C-alpha atoms as a PDB file:
ATOM      1  CA  MET A   1       0.000   0.000   0.000  1.00  0.00           C
ATOM      2  CA  THR A   2       1.264   3.472  -0.881  1.00  0.00           C
ATOM      3  CA  HIS A   3       0.573   6.489   1.255  1.00  0.00           C
ATOM      4  CA  GLN A   4      -0.008   9.917  -0.242  1.00  0.00           C
ATOM      5  CA  GLN A   5       1.741  12.720   1.578  1.00  0.00           C
ATOM      6  CA  ILE A   6      -0.740  15.503   2.258  1.00  0.00           C
ATOM      7  CA  ASN A   7       1.512  18.307   3.450  1.00  0.00           C
ATOM      8  CA  PRO A   8       4.780  19.453   1.875  1.00  0.00           C
ATOM      9  CA  PRO A   9       7.658  18.974   1.421  1.00  0.00           C
ATOM     10  CA  TYR A  10       6.567  16.174  -0.903  1.00  0.00           C
ATOM     11  CA  ASP A  11      10.117  15.279  -1.939  1.00  0.00           C
ATOM     12  CA  GLY A  12      11.217  14.535   1.610  1.00  0.00           C
ATOM     13  CA  SER A  13      13.590  17.498   1.824  1.00  0.00           C
ATOM     14  CA  ALA A  14      13.866  19.674   4.901  1.00  0.00           C
ATOM     15  CA  PRO A  15      10.834  21.897   5.567  1.00  0.00           C
ATOM     16  CA  CYS A  16      11.196  25.577   4.692  1.00  0.00           C
ATOM     17  CA  PRO A  17       9.270  28.574   6.065  1.00  0.00           C
ATOM     18  CA  GLY A  18       7.010  28.437   3.016  1.00  0.00           C
ATOM     19  CA  CYS A  19       5.903  24.937   4.055  1.00  0.00           C
ATOM     20  CA  ASN A  20       3.658  26.654   6.574  1.00  0.00           C
ATOM     21  CA  ASN A  21       0.320  25.863   5.054  1.00  0.00           C
ATOM     22  CA  PHE A  22      -1.369  29.260   4.855  1.00  0.00           C
ATOM     23  CA  GLY A  23       0.016  30.646   1.603  1.00  0.00           C
ATOM     24  CA  GLY A  24      -3.532  30.610   0.225  1.00  0.00           C
ATOM     25  CA  ALA A  25      -4.737  32.610   3.195  1.00  0.00           C
ATOM     26  CA  MET A  26      -2.049  35.204   2.492  1.00  0.00           C
ATOM     27  CA  ALA A  27      -3.855  35.920  -0.801  1.00  0.00           C
ATOM     28  CA  TYR A  28      -6.832  37.337   1.108  1.00  0.00           C
ATOM     29  CA  LEU A  29      -4.649  39.934   2.804  1.00  0.00           C
ATOM     30  CA  HIS A  30      -2.793  40.688  -0.438  1.00  0.00           C
ATOM     31  CA  ASN A  31      -6.057  41.226  -2.331  1.00  0.00           C
ATOM     32  CA  MET A  32      -7.275  43.467   0.461  1.00  0.00           C
ATOM     33  CA  PHE A  33      -4.293  45.797   0.379  1.00  0.00           C
ATOM     34  CA  THR A  34      -4.057  46.029  -3.396  1.00  0.00           C
ATOM     35  CA  ARG A  35      -7.405  47.841  -2.982  1.00  0.00           C
ATOM     36  CA  TRP A  36      -6.624  49.834   0.156  1.00  0.00           C
ATOM     37  CA  PRO A  37      -7.859  52.425   1.107  1.00  0.00           C
ATOM     38  CA  SER A  38     -10.975  52.046  -1.049  1.00  0.00           C
ATOM     39  CA  GLY A  39     -14.174  50.474   0.228  1.00  0.00           C
ATOM     40  CA  LYS A  40     -13.414  47.441  -1.927  1.00  0.00           C
ATOM     41  CA  SER A  41     -10.598  46.601   0.468  1.00  0.00           C
ATOM     42  CA  MET A  42     -13.171  46.143   3.219  1.00  0.00           C
ATOM     43  CA  VAL A  43     -15.106  43.702   1.062  1.00  0.00           C
ATOM     44  CA  LYS A  44     -11.915  41.655   0.780  1.00  0.00           C
ATOM     45  CA  LEU A  45     -11.473  41.896   4.548  1.00  0.00           C
ATOM     46  CA  ASN A  46     -14.966  40.466   4.891  1.00  0.00           C
ATOM     47  CA  ASP A  47     -13.959  37.570   2.606  1.00  0.00           C
ATOM     48  CA  MET A  48     -10.919  36.959   4.795  1.00  0.00           C
ATOM     49  CA  ARG A  49     -13.052  37.100   7.924  1.00  0.00           C
ATOM     50  CA  ARG A  50     -15.549  34.583   6.552  1.00  0.00           C
ATOM     51  CA  PHE A  51     -13.447  32.129   4.607  1.00  0.00           C
ATOM     52  CA  CYS A  52      -9.847  32.281   5.806  1.00  0.00           C
ATOM     53  CA  GLU A  53      -8.631  29.357   7.917  1.00  0.00           C
ATOM     54  CA  LEU A  54      -5.481  30.132   9.875  1.00  0.00           C
ATOM     55  CA  PRO A  55      -3.348  27.743  11.923  1.00  0.00           C
ATOM     56  CA  GLU A  56      -3.078  28.341  15.640  1.00  0.00           C
ATOM     57  CA  THR A  57       0.696  27.922  15.496  1.00  0.00           C
ATOM     58  CA  LEU A  58       3.320  27.634  12.762  1.00  0.00           C
ATOM     59  CA  SER A  59       4.517  24.199  11.702  1.00  0.00           C
ATOM     60  CA  MET A  60       7.845  25.764  10.674  1.00  0.00           C
ATOM     61  CA  PRO A  61       8.734  28.718  12.949  1.00  0.00           C
ATOM     62  CA  HIS A  62      10.046  31.853  11.248  1.00  0.00           C
ATOM     63  CA  PRO A  63       9.767  35.487  12.408  1.00  0.00           C
ATOM     64  CA  ALA A  64       8.419  36.804   9.087  1.00  0.00           C
ATOM     65  CA  MET A  65       5.796  34.069   8.924  1.00  0.00           C
ATOM     66  CA  GLN A  66       4.855  34.629  12.566  1.00  0.00           C
ATOM     67  CA  GLU A  67       4.385  38.344  11.931  1.00  0.00           C
ATOM     68  CA  LEU A  68       2.170  37.635   8.916  1.00  0.00           C
ATOM     69  CA  LEU A  69       0.078  35.174  10.925  1.00  0.00           C
ATOM     70  CA  ASP A  70      -0.246  37.619  13.836  1.00  0.00           C
ATOM     71  CA  VAL A  71      -1.314  40.466  11.538  1.00  0.00           C
ATOM     72  CA  MET A  72      -3.938  38.340   9.807  1.00  0.00           C
ATOM     73  CA  LYS A  73      -5.375  37.185  13.118  1.00  0.00           C
ATOM     74  CA  ALA A  74      -5.496  40.801  14.304  1.00  0.00           C
ATOM     75  CA  MET A  75      -7.283  41.928  11.117  1.00  0.00           C
ATOM     76  CA  ILE A  76      -9.896  39.204  11.460  1.00  0.00           C
ATOM     77  CA  ALA A  77     -10.440  40.046  15.127  1.00  0.00           C
ATOM     78  CA  ILE A  78     -11.024  43.703  14.241  1.00  0.00           C
ATOM     79  CA  ALA A  79     -13.470  42.774  11.476  1.00  0.00           C
ATOM     80  CA  ASN A  80     -15.433  40.371  13.672  1.00  0.00           C
ATOM     81  CA  LYS A  81     -16.172  43.160  16.155  1.00  0.00           C
ATOM     82  CA  GLY A  82     -17.931  45.458  13.735  1.00  0.00           C
ATOM     83  CA  MET A  83     -18.467  43.978  10.282  1.00  0.00           C
ATOM     84  CA  THR A  84     -21.702  42.481   8.944  1.00  0.00           C
ATOM     85  CA  ASP A  85     -22.738  40.828   5.701  1.00  0.00           C
ATOM     86  CA  ASP A  86     -26.399  40.164   4.899  1.00  0.00           C
ATOM     87  CA  GLY A  87     -25.606  38.493   1.591  1.00  0.00           C
ATOM     88  CA  LEU A  88     -26.188  41.698  -0.364  1.00  0.00           C
ATOM     89  CA  THR A  89     -24.237  44.416   1.430  1.00  0.00           C
ATOM     90  CA  VAL A  90     -21.071  44.418   3.498  1.00  0.00           C
ATOM     91  CA  LYS A  91     -21.096  46.990   6.305  1.00  0.00           C
ATOM     92  CA  TRP A  92     -18.496  48.017   8.856  1.00  0.00           C
ATOM     93  CA  THR A  93     -18.305  50.393  11.799  1.00  0.00           C
ATOM     94  CA  PRO A  94     -15.919  53.369  11.983  1.00  0.00           C
ATOM     95  CA  ALA A  95     -13.952  51.409  14.584  1.00  0.00           C
ATOM     96  CA  VAL A  96     -13.234  48.667  12.025  1.00  0.00           C
ATOM     97  CA  TRP A  97     -11.903  51.205   9.531  1.00  0.00           C
ATOM     98  CA  GLU A  98      -9.769  52.876  12.178  1.00  0.00           C
ATOM     99  CA  GLY A  99      -8.384  49.542  13.369  1.00  0.00           C
ATOM    100  CA  VAL A 100      -7.469  48.478   9.861  1.00  0.00           C
ATOM    101  CA  ALA A 101      -5.869  51.859   9.138  1.00  0.00           C
ATOM    102  CA  ALA A 102      -3.744  51.536  12.267  1.00  0.00           C
ATOM    103  CA  LEU A 103      -2.491  48.108  11.149  1.00  0.00           C
ATOM    104  CA  ALA A 104      -2.159  48.866   7.434  1.00  0.00           C
ATOM    105  CA  GLY A 105       1.544  49.733   7.401  1.00  0.00           C
ATOM    106  CA  ARG A 106       2.436  46.708   9.490  1.00  0.00           C
ATOM    107  CA  ALA A 107       0.309  44.430   7.297  1.00  0.00           C
ATOM    108  CA  MET A 108       1.890  45.611   4.047  1.00  0.00           C
ATOM    109  CA  ALA A 109       5.397  45.202   5.463  1.00  0.00           C
ATOM    110  CA  ALA A 110       4.497  41.675   6.634  1.00  0.00           C
ATOM    111  CA  LEU A 111       3.269  40.764   3.167  1.00  0.00           C
ATOM    112  CA  ASP A 112       6.494  42.015   1.589  1.00  0.00           C
ATOM    113  CA  ALA A 113       8.637  40.076   4.063  1.00  0.00           C
ATOM    114  CA  ALA A 114       6.750  36.787   3.661  1.00  0.00           C
ATOM    115  CA  GLU A 115       6.396  36.789  -0.117  1.00  0.00           C
ATOM    116  CA  PRO A 116      10.007  35.722  -0.912  1.00  0.00           C
ATOM    117  CA  LEU A 117       9.675  32.801   1.509  1.00  0.00           C
ATOM    118  CA  PHE A 118       6.560  31.514  -0.217  1.00  0.00           C
ATOM    119  CA  ASP A 119       8.209  32.115  -3.624  1.00  0.00           C
ATOM    120  CA  ALA A 120      11.251  30.062  -2.623  1.00  0.00           C
ATOM    121  CA  HIS A 121       8.957  27.282  -1.411  1.00  0.00           C
ATOM    122  CA  ARG A 122       7.026  27.185  -4.692  1.00  0.00           C
ATOM    123  CA  HIS A 123      10.117  27.418  -6.914  1.00  0.00           C
ATOM    124  CA  ASP A 124      10.773  23.668  -6.877  1.00  0.00           C
ATOM    125  CA  GLU A 125       7.586  21.790  -7.779  1.00  0.00           C
ATOM    126  CA  ARG A 126       9.068  18.541  -6.480  1.00  0.00           C
ATOM    127  CA  HIS A 127       9.210  20.150  -3.062  1.00  0.00           C
ATOM    128  CA  CYS A 128       5.867  21.943  -2.890  1.00  0.00           C
ATOM    129  CA  THR A 129       3.501  19.825  -5.045  1.00  0.00           C
ATOM    130  CA  GLY A 130       5.309  16.579  -5.787  1.00  0.00           C
ATOM    131  CA  ASN A 131       5.223  17.369  -9.526  1.00  0.00           C
ATOM    132  CA  THR A 132       8.208  17.727 -11.832  1.00  0.00           C
ATOM    133  CA  ASN A 133       9.730  21.008 -13.036  1.00  0.00           C
ATOM    134  CA  SER A 134       9.368  22.118 -16.653  1.00  0.00           C
ATOM    135  CA  MET A 135      11.605  24.635 -18.415  1.00  0.00           C
ATOM    136  CA  TRP A 136       9.823  27.016 -20.756  1.00  0.00           C
ATOM    137  CA  GLU A 137      10.333  30.554 -21.955  1.00  0.00           C
ATOM    138  CA  SER A 138       8.325  33.120 -20.045  1.00  0.00           C
ATOM    139  CA  ARG A 139       8.102  36.847 -19.627  1.00  0.00           C
ATOM    140  CA  GLY A 140       6.136  39.248 -17.479  1.00  0.00           C
ATOM    141  CA  SER A 141       6.532  41.255 -14.300  1.00  0.00           C
ATOM    142  CA  ARG A 142       6.471  40.506 -10.590  1.00  0.00           C
ATOM    143  CA  TRP A 143       4.524  42.292  -7.900  1.00  0.00           C
ATOM    144  CA  PRO A 144       6.850  45.197  -6.941  1.00  0.00           C
ATOM    145  CA  GLY A 145       5.877  45.189  -3.269  1.00  0.00           C
ATOM    146  CA  PHE A 146       3.660  47.263  -1.022  1.00  0.00           C
ATOM    147  CA  THR A 147       6.182  49.401   0.848  1.00  0.00           C
ATOM    148  CA  GLN A 148       8.366  52.035  -0.744  1.00  0.00           C
ATOM    149  CA  ALA A 149      11.503  50.389   0.641  1.00  0.00           C
ATOM    150  CA  THR A 150      10.605  47.066  -0.970  1.00  0.00           C
ATOM    151  CA  ARG A 151       9.786  48.660  -4.319  1.00  0.00           C
ATOM    152  CA  GLU A 152      13.103  50.503  -4.341  1.00  0.00           C
ATOM    153  CA  ALA A 153      15.036  47.371  -3.388  1.00  0.00           C
ATOM    154  CA  ARG A 154      13.447  45.329  -6.184  1.00  0.00           C
ATOM    155  CA  GLY A 155      13.856  47.974  -8.849  1.00  0.00           C
ATOM    156  CA  ASP A 156      12.731  46.769 -12.286  1.00  0.00           C
ATOM    157  CA  THR A 157      10.362  43.835 -11.744  1.00  0.00           C
ATOM    158  CA  SER A 158      10.044  42.829 -15.408  1.00  0.00           C
ATOM    159  CA  TYR A 159      11.575  39.540 -16.560  1.00  0.00           C
ATOM    160  CA  ASN A 160      12.133  37.642 -19.795  1.00  0.00           C
ATOM    161  CA  TYR A 161      13.391  34.093 -19.302  1.00  0.00           C
ATOM    162  CA  THR A 162      14.515  33.071 -22.776  1.00  0.00           C
ATOM    163  CA  ILE A 163      15.238  29.695 -24.398  1.00  0.00           C
ATOM    164  CA  GLU A 164      16.894  30.447 -27.742  1.00  0.00           C
ATOM    165  CA  ALA A 165      17.983  28.212 -30.592  1.00  0.00           C
ATOM    166  CA  VAL A 166      21.534  29.114 -31.702  1.00  0.00           C
ATOM    167  CA  LEU A 167      23.774  27.958 -34.533  1.00  0.00           C
ATOM    168  CA  SER A 168      26.822  27.335 -32.360  1.00  0.00           C
ATOM    169  CA  GLY A 169      27.785  27.206 -28.727  1.00  0.00           C
ATOM    170  CA  GLY A 170      24.821  27.252 -26.385  1.00  0.00           C
ATOM    171  CA  HIS A 171      24.154  25.512 -23.115  1.00  0.00           C
ATOM    172  CA  LEU A 172      22.138  22.466 -24.177  1.00  0.00           C
ATOM    173  CA  LEU A 173      22.142  20.163 -27.195  1.00  0.00           C
ATOM    174  CA  HIS A 174      18.917  18.368 -28.041  1.00  0.00           C
ATOM    175  CA  LYS A 175      20.307  15.049 -29.219  1.00  0.00           C
ATOM    176  CA  ALA A 176      17.048  14.078 -30.963  1.00  0.00           C
ATOM    177  CA  CYS A 177      16.974  17.018 -33.401  1.00  0.00           C
ATOM    178  CA  GLY A 178      20.443  18.576 -33.078  1.00  0.00           C
ATOM    179  CA  THR A 179      19.170  21.959 -31.854  1.00  0.00           C
ATOM    180  CA  ARG A 180      21.580  23.961 -29.720  1.00  0.00           C
ATOM    181  CA  ILE A 181      19.918  26.057 -27.043  1.00  0.00           C
ATOM    182  CA  ARG A 182      21.080  29.109 -25.132  1.00  0.00           C
ATOM    183  CA  LEU A 183      19.409  29.540 -21.745  1.00  0.00           C
ATOM    184  CA  HIS A 184      18.656  32.581 -19.621  1.00  0.00           C
ATOM    185  CA  GLU A 185      20.589  32.851 -16.362  1.00  0.00           C
ATOM    186  CA  HIS A 186      17.354  32.040 -14.520  1.00  0.00           C
ATOM    187  CA  PHE A 187      17.534  28.438 -15.767  1.00  0.00           C
ATOM    188  CA  LEU A 188      21.300  28.183 -15.460  1.00  0.00           C
ATOM    189  CA  LEU A 189      21.120  28.988 -11.751  1.00  0.00           C
ATOM    190  CA  ASP A 190      18.858  26.000 -11.162  1.00  0.00           C
ATOM    191  CA  LEU A 191      20.967  23.651 -13.267  1.00  0.00           C
ATOM    192  CA  ARG A 192      24.198  24.655 -11.522  1.00  0.00           C
ATOM    193  CA  LYS A 193      22.660  23.795  -8.174  1.00  0.00           C
ATOM    194  CA  ASP A 194      20.968  20.618  -9.392  1.00  0.00           C
ATOM    195  CA  PRO A 195      21.453  19.171 -12.914  1.00  0.00           C
ATOM    196  CA  THR A 196      18.315  17.060 -12.370  1.00  0.00           C
ATOM    197  CA  PHE A 197      16.104  20.069 -11.506  1.00  0.00           C
ATOM    198  CA  TYR A 198      14.130  20.009 -14.775  1.00  0.00           C
ATOM    199  CA  ALA A 199      12.243  17.008 -16.144  1.00  0.00           C
ATOM    200  CA  LYS A 200      11.036  18.646 -19.366  1.00  0.00           C
ATOM    201  CA  VAL A 201      12.326  21.334 -21.702  1.00  0.00           C
ATOM    202  CA  ARG A 202      10.441  23.275 -24.355  1.00  0.00           C
ATOM    203  CA  CYS A 203      12.776  22.837 -27.312  1.00  0.00           C
ATOM    204  CA  PRO A 204      12.254  25.663 -29.850  1.00  0.00           C
ATOM    205  CA  LYS A 205      12.017  23.025 -32.583  1.00  0.00           C
ATOM    206  CA  CYS A 206      10.355  20.030 -30.906  1.00  0.00           C
ATOM    207  CA  SER A 207       8.174  21.567 -28.175  1.00  0.00           C
ATOM    208  CA  ASP A 208       8.055  19.771 -24.797  1.00  0.00           C
ATOM    209  CA  VAL A 209      10.520  16.891 -24.545  1.00  0.00           C
ATOM    210  CA  PRO A 210      12.207  15.060 -21.639  1.00  0.00           C
ATOM    211  CA  PHE A 211      15.319  16.697 -20.248  1.00  0.00           C
ATOM    212  CA  ALA A 212      17.045  13.320 -20.577  1.00  0.00           C
ATOM    213  CA  GLN A 213      17.189  13.934 -24.343  1.00  0.00           C
ATOM    214  CA  PHE A 214      19.555  16.877 -23.817  1.00  0.00           C
ATOM    215  CA  GLU A 215      23.303  17.011 -23.405  1.00  0.00           C
ATOM    216  CA  ILE A 216      24.590  19.782 -21.147  1.00  0.00           C
ATOM    217  CA  LEU A 217      27.283  21.622 -23.112  1.00  0.00           C
ATOM    218  CA  SER A 218      27.996  24.394 -20.608  1.00  0.00           C
ATOM    219  CA  LEU A 219      26.419  26.074 -17.618  1.00  0.00           C
ATOM    220  CA  GLU A 220      28.467  29.260 -17.888  1.00  0.00           C
ATOM    221  CA  ALA A 221      26.754  32.546 -18.638  1.00  0.00           C
END
């Protein structure tokens, strides 16, 4: 008989702060403060009050995670004292607004501090979901952060993780089709730490294929 592991880390590695199982709950607070200080933020607070399930204690102690948990519990406690929802309209007392305003700066700083820990946890799918990692080209931008200090520290949040076919050189050789591939540093960092990190690669010529079909030519930038 096999037993399915319910809580991460699924790969048996050491737990990390992001293994604390309330990353989904963090989304309620994030959605609230992306709308602060509009009334829509209070609707999101009501969602958090009604639907968010928080642990009593952390399974993996960490000061940033403890602060986030404490702030969320405090927000819910404030909302429960003066917020109502009749199914059509969400209402709150002035005391709720004042309590949230007093905690707003602390809450946004807690979100900024916890986000990298959850990101690190989710980076390796083998660790957080038990699935394999796939390498594909992607571009976009990350959330820059709530506090001014965090936004300044992160600077440009745009990214473009490229996988390019090249005529010579490159980092990988797809032995099945002969395509040479040059990788963005984002992928090289993972491969330097663990050559088995990726299970699949999106070859520019052949689409998704097993990483075992590739020869590593170089991991230098």
